[in-house]
Amino acid sequence: MRALLPTATACLLLSPLWTGAATPQSSAPTAAPTVPAASPAGTPAATAADNDAAAKHAKRTACRKNAKAKKLVGDQKTAYIKDCVSAP
């Protein structure tokens, strides 16, 4: 454990040197790639799916907290959470 801190510190301090040595330096500027940017049309669908998953997680968490507040255990707790999550 004692050797871990000095080793990690040395790696962090020397990491800029490694990144500079790994990339070749050329005197000519490189041109920007001409690949078109990804269309933002796919973004709303992904965002909606993320929001839906987050909403389900939040609802389940709230149901679990309610079950804990009611001091339910075992099958009663499981049934309560399932009913609570499936409710609108």
N, C-alpha and C. Protein backbone atom coordinates (compact mmCIF):
# COMPACT_ATOMS: atom_id res chain seq x y z
N MET A 1 0.81 -1.18 0.00
CA MET A 1 0.00 0.00 0.00
C MET A 1 0.86 1.26 0.00
N ARG A 2 2.00 1.20 0.70
CA ARG A 2 2.87 2.36 0.77
C ARG A 2 3.50 2.66 -0.58
N ALA A 3 3.75 1.63 -1.38
CA ALA A 3 4.38 1.83 -2.68
C ALA A 3 3.38 2.34 -3.72
N LEU A 4 2.12 2.22 -3.45
CA LEU A 4 1.10 2.63 -4.41
C LEU A 4 1.07 4.14 -4.62
N LEU A 5 1.14 4.92 -3.56
CA LEU A 5 1.07 6.38 -3.68
C LEU A 5 2.25 6.96 -4.47
N PRO A 6 3.50 6.61 -4.16
CA PRO A 6 4.60 7.15 -4.96
C PRO A 6 4.55 6.70 -6.42
N THR A 7 4.13 5.47 -6.64
CA THR A 7 4.04 4.97 -8.01
C THR A 7 2.98 5.72 -8.79
N ALA A 8 1.82 5.92 -8.20
CA ALA A 8 0.75 6.65 -8.87
C ALA A 8 1.16 8.10 -9.12
N THR A 9 1.84 8.71 -8.16
CA THR A 9 2.29 10.09 -8.32
C THR A 9 3.29 10.20 -9.46
N ALA A 10 4.22 9.27 -9.53
CA ALA A 10 5.22 9.29 -10.60
C ALA A 10 4.55 9.10 -11.96
N CYS A 11 3.58 8.22 -12.04
CA CYS A 11 2.88 8.00 -13.31
C CYS A 11 2.13 9.25 -13.75
N LEU A 12 1.46 9.91 -12.81
CA LEU A 12 0.72 11.12 -13.15
C LEU A 12 1.64 12.26 -13.57
N LEU A 13 2.78 12.37 -12.92
CA LEU A 13 3.71 13.44 -13.26
C LEU A 13 4.41 13.20 -14.59
N LEU A 14 4.64 11.95 -14.93
CA LEU A 14 5.34 11.63 -16.16
C LEU A 14 4.41 11.40 -17.35
N SER A 15 3.12 11.35 -17.13
CA SER A 15 2.19 11.07 -18.23
C SER A 15 2.24 12.11 -19.35
N PRO A 16 2.43 13.41 -19.08
CA PRO A 16 2.54 14.35 -20.21
C PRO A 16 3.75 14.05 -21.10
N LEU A 17 4.79 13.53 -20.52
CA LEU A 17 5.96 13.18 -21.33
C LEU A 17 5.67 12.02 -22.26
N TRP A 18 4.91 11.05 -21.77
CA TRP A 18 4.58 9.90 -22.61
C TRP A 18 3.65 10.28 -23.75
N THR A 19 2.69 11.13 -23.49
CA THR A 19 1.75 11.51 -24.56
C THR A 19 2.46 12.33 -25.62
N GLY A 20 3.42 13.15 -25.23
CA GLY A 20 4.17 13.93 -26.21
C GLY A 20 5.08 13.06 -27.05
N ALA A 21 5.64 12.02 -26.48
CA ALA A 21 6.54 11.13 -27.22
C ALA A 21 5.77 10.19 -28.13
N ALA A 22 4.53 9.90 -27.79
CA ALA A 22 3.75 8.93 -28.57
C ALA A 22 3.20 9.55 -29.85
N THR A 23 2.99 10.86 -29.88
CA THR A 23 2.44 11.48 -31.07
C THR A 23 3.57 12.04 -31.93
N PRO A 24 3.60 11.68 -33.21
CA PRO A 24 4.65 12.20 -34.08
C PRO A 24 4.42 13.68 -34.36
N GLN A 25 5.49 14.43 -34.39
CA GLN A 25 5.38 15.86 -34.65
C GLN A 25 5.75 16.12 -36.09
N SER A 26 4.87 16.82 -36.78
CA SER A 26 5.14 17.16 -38.17
C SER A 26 5.07 18.67 -38.31
N SER A 27 5.81 19.20 -39.26
CA SER A 27 5.83 20.64 -39.44
C SER A 27 4.65 21.13 -40.28
N ALA A 28 4.04 20.25 -41.07
CA ALA A 28 2.91 20.64 -41.90
C ALA A 28 1.61 20.51 -41.11
N PRO A 29 0.75 21.52 -41.18
CA PRO A 29 -0.53 21.41 -40.47
C PRO A 29 -1.42 20.37 -41.15
N THR A 30 -2.16 19.67 -40.36
CA THR A 30 -3.05 18.65 -40.90
C THR A 30 -4.40 19.27 -41.20
N ALA A 31 -5.03 18.79 -42.25
CA ALA A 31 -6.34 19.30 -42.64
C ALA A 31 -7.41 18.66 -41.78
N ALA A 32 -8.47 19.38 -41.55
CA ALA A 32 -9.59 18.85 -40.78
C ALA A 32 -10.28 17.76 -41.57
N PRO A 33 -10.73 16.71 -40.94
CA PRO A 33 -11.43 15.66 -41.66
C PRO A 33 -12.72 16.20 -42.28
N THR A 34 -13.07 15.66 -43.44
CA THR A 34 -14.25 16.13 -44.15
C THR A 34 -15.45 15.22 -43.93
N VAL A 35 -15.46 14.51 -42.83
CA VAL A 35 -16.58 13.63 -42.52
C VAL A 35 -17.73 14.50 -42.04
N PRO A 36 -18.94 14.33 -42.60
CA PRO A 36 -20.07 15.15 -42.16
C PRO A 36 -20.44 14.81 -40.72
N ALA A 37 -20.94 15.79 -40.03
CA ALA A 37 -21.34 15.60 -38.64
C ALA A 37 -22.57 14.70 -38.58
N ALA A 38 -22.70 14.00 -37.47
CA ALA A 38 -23.85 13.12 -37.29
C ALA A 38 -25.12 13.96 -37.20
N SER A 39 -26.16 13.47 -37.81
CA SER A 39 -27.40 14.24 -37.82
C SER A 39 -28.05 14.19 -36.44
N PRO A 40 -28.59 15.29 -35.97
CA PRO A 40 -29.21 15.31 -34.66
C PRO A 40 -30.59 14.67 -34.65
N ALA A 41 -31.01 14.07 -35.78
CA ALA A 41 -32.33 13.46 -35.83
C ALA A 41 -32.45 12.28 -34.88
N GLY A 42 -31.34 11.55 -34.66
CA GLY A 42 -31.38 10.40 -33.76
C GLY A 42 -31.34 10.80 -32.30
N THR A 43 -31.01 12.01 -32.00
CA THR A 43 -30.85 12.46 -30.62
C THR A 43 -32.16 12.45 -29.83
N PRO A 44 -33.29 12.95 -30.35
CA PRO A 44 -34.50 12.95 -29.53
C PRO A 44 -34.96 11.55 -29.13
N ALA A 45 -34.80 10.56 -30.00
CA ALA A 45 -35.21 9.21 -29.65
C ALA A 45 -34.35 8.67 -28.51
N ALA A 46 -33.06 8.91 -28.59
CA ALA A 46 -32.18 8.45 -27.53
C ALA A 46 -32.48 9.19 -26.23
N THR A 47 -32.75 10.46 -26.32
CA THR A 47 -33.07 11.24 -25.14
C THR A 47 -34.38 10.78 -24.52
N ALA A 48 -35.36 10.47 -25.35
CA ALA A 48 -36.65 10.00 -24.84
C ALA A 48 -36.48 8.66 -24.12
N ALA A 49 -35.65 7.79 -24.69
CA ALA A 49 -35.41 6.49 -24.05
C ALA A 49 -34.68 6.68 -22.73
N ASP A 50 -33.73 7.60 -22.71
CA ASP A 50 -33.01 7.88 -21.48
C ASP A 50 -33.94 8.45 -20.42
N ASN A 51 -34.81 9.37 -20.83
CA ASN A 51 -35.75 9.97 -19.89
C ASN A 51 -36.73 8.94 -19.36
N ASP A 52 -37.17 8.02 -20.23
CA ASP A 52 -38.10 6.97 -19.82
C ASP A 52 -37.44 6.06 -18.79
N ALA A 53 -36.19 5.69 -19.05
CA ALA A 53 -35.47 4.82 -18.11
C ALA A 53 -35.25 5.53 -16.78
N ALA A 54 -34.94 6.81 -16.84
CA ALA A 54 -34.73 7.57 -15.61
C ALA A 54 -36.04 7.70 -14.83
N ALA A 55 -37.14 7.89 -15.53
CA ALA A 55 -38.43 8.01 -14.87
C ALA A 55 -38.82 6.69 -14.18
N LYS A 56 -38.56 5.58 -14.88
CA LYS A 56 -38.86 4.26 -14.28
C LYS A 56 -38.02 4.04 -13.03
N HIS A 57 -36.74 4.42 -13.12
CA HIS A 57 -35.85 4.25 -11.98
C HIS A 57 -36.32 5.10 -10.79
N ALA A 58 -36.70 6.33 -11.08
CA ALA A 58 -37.16 7.23 -10.01
C ALA A 58 -38.43 6.70 -9.37
N LYS A 59 -39.33 6.19 -10.20
CA LYS A 59 -40.59 5.66 -9.66
C LYS A 59 -40.33 4.43 -8.81
N ARG A 60 -39.46 3.55 -9.28
CA ARG A 60 -39.14 2.35 -8.51
C ARG A 60 -38.48 2.73 -7.18
N THR A 61 -37.59 3.70 -7.23
CA THR A 61 -36.93 4.15 -6.00
C THR A 61 -37.95 4.71 -5.01
N ALA A 62 -38.89 5.49 -5.51
CA ALA A 62 -39.94 6.04 -4.64
C ALA A 62 -40.79 4.92 -4.04
N CYS A 63 -41.11 3.93 -4.86
CA CYS A 63 -41.91 2.80 -4.36
C CYS A 63 -41.15 2.02 -3.29
N ARG A 64 -39.85 1.85 -3.49
CA ARG A 64 -39.04 1.14 -2.49
C ARG A 64 -38.99 1.92 -1.18
N LYS A 65 -38.88 3.25 -1.28
CA LYS A 65 -38.86 4.06 -0.07
C LYS A 65 -40.19 3.97 0.66
N ASN A 66 -41.30 3.97 -0.09
CA ASN A 66 -42.62 3.84 0.53
C ASN A 66 -42.76 2.49 1.21
N ALA A 67 -42.26 1.44 0.57
CA ALA A 67 -42.33 0.10 1.16
C ALA A 67 -41.52 0.05 2.45
N LYS A 68 -40.38 0.72 2.44
CA LYS A 68 -39.55 0.75 3.65
C LYS A 68 -40.25 1.55 4.75
N ALA A 69 -40.90 2.64 4.38
CA ALA A 69 -41.62 3.45 5.37
C ALA A 69 -42.76 2.66 5.99
N LYS A 70 -43.40 1.81 5.18
CA LYS A 70 -44.50 0.98 5.69
C LYS A 70 -43.98 -0.27 6.39
N LYS A 71 -42.64 -0.45 6.38
CA LYS A 71 -41.98 -1.58 7.04
C LYS A 71 -42.44 -2.92 6.48
N LEU A 72 -42.59 -2.97 5.15
CA LEU A 72 -42.95 -4.22 4.51
C LEU A 72 -41.69 -5.05 4.27
N VAL A 73 -41.82 -6.37 4.36
CA VAL A 73 -40.69 -7.26 4.13
C VAL A 73 -41.14 -8.46 3.31
N GLY A 74 -40.19 -9.09 2.65
CA GLY A 74 -40.43 -10.33 1.94
C GLY A 74 -41.40 -10.19 0.78
N ASP A 75 -42.35 -11.15 0.72
CA ASP A 75 -43.30 -11.19 -0.38
C ASP A 75 -44.22 -9.97 -0.40
N GLN A 76 -44.55 -9.46 0.76
CA GLN A 76 -45.40 -8.27 0.82
C GLN A 76 -44.70 -7.07 0.19
N LYS A 77 -43.42 -6.93 0.47
CA LYS A 77 -42.64 -5.83 -0.09
C LYS A 77 -42.54 -5.97 -1.61
N THR A 78 -42.25 -7.17 -2.07
CA THR A 78 -42.13 -7.43 -3.51
C THR A 78 -43.43 -7.13 -4.23
N ALA A 79 -44.54 -7.62 -3.68
CA ALA A 79 -45.85 -7.39 -4.29
C ALA A 79 -46.19 -5.90 -4.29
N TYR A 80 -45.88 -5.20 -3.20
CA TYR A 80 -46.16 -3.77 -3.12
C TYR A 80 -45.37 -3.00 -4.18
N ILE A 81 -44.09 -3.33 -4.33
CA ILE A 81 -43.26 -2.63 -5.31
C ILE A 81 -43.76 -2.88 -6.72
N LYS A 82 -44.12 -4.14 -7.03
CA LYS A 82 -44.64 -4.45 -8.37
C LYS A 82 -45.93 -3.69 -8.66
N ASP A 83 -46.83 -3.66 -7.69
CA ASP A 83 -48.09 -2.93 -7.86
C ASP A 83 -47.85 -1.44 -8.00
N CYS A 84 -46.96 -0.92 -7.19
CA CYS A 84 -46.67 0.51 -7.21
C CYS A 84 -46.03 0.94 -8.53
N VAL A 85 -45.11 0.15 -9.04
CA VAL A 85 -44.42 0.49 -10.29
C VAL A 85 -45.37 0.37 -11.47
N SER A 86 -46.27 -0.60 -11.45
CA SER A 86 -47.18 -0.79 -12.57
C SER A 86 -48.32 0.23 -12.56
N ALA A 87 -48.57 0.87 -11.43
CA ALA A 87 -49.63 1.89 -11.36
C ALA A 87 -49.21 3.13 -12.15
N PRO A 88 -50.19 3.81 -12.76
CA PRO A 88 -49.85 4.98 -13.57
C PRO A 88 -49.34 6.15 -12.78
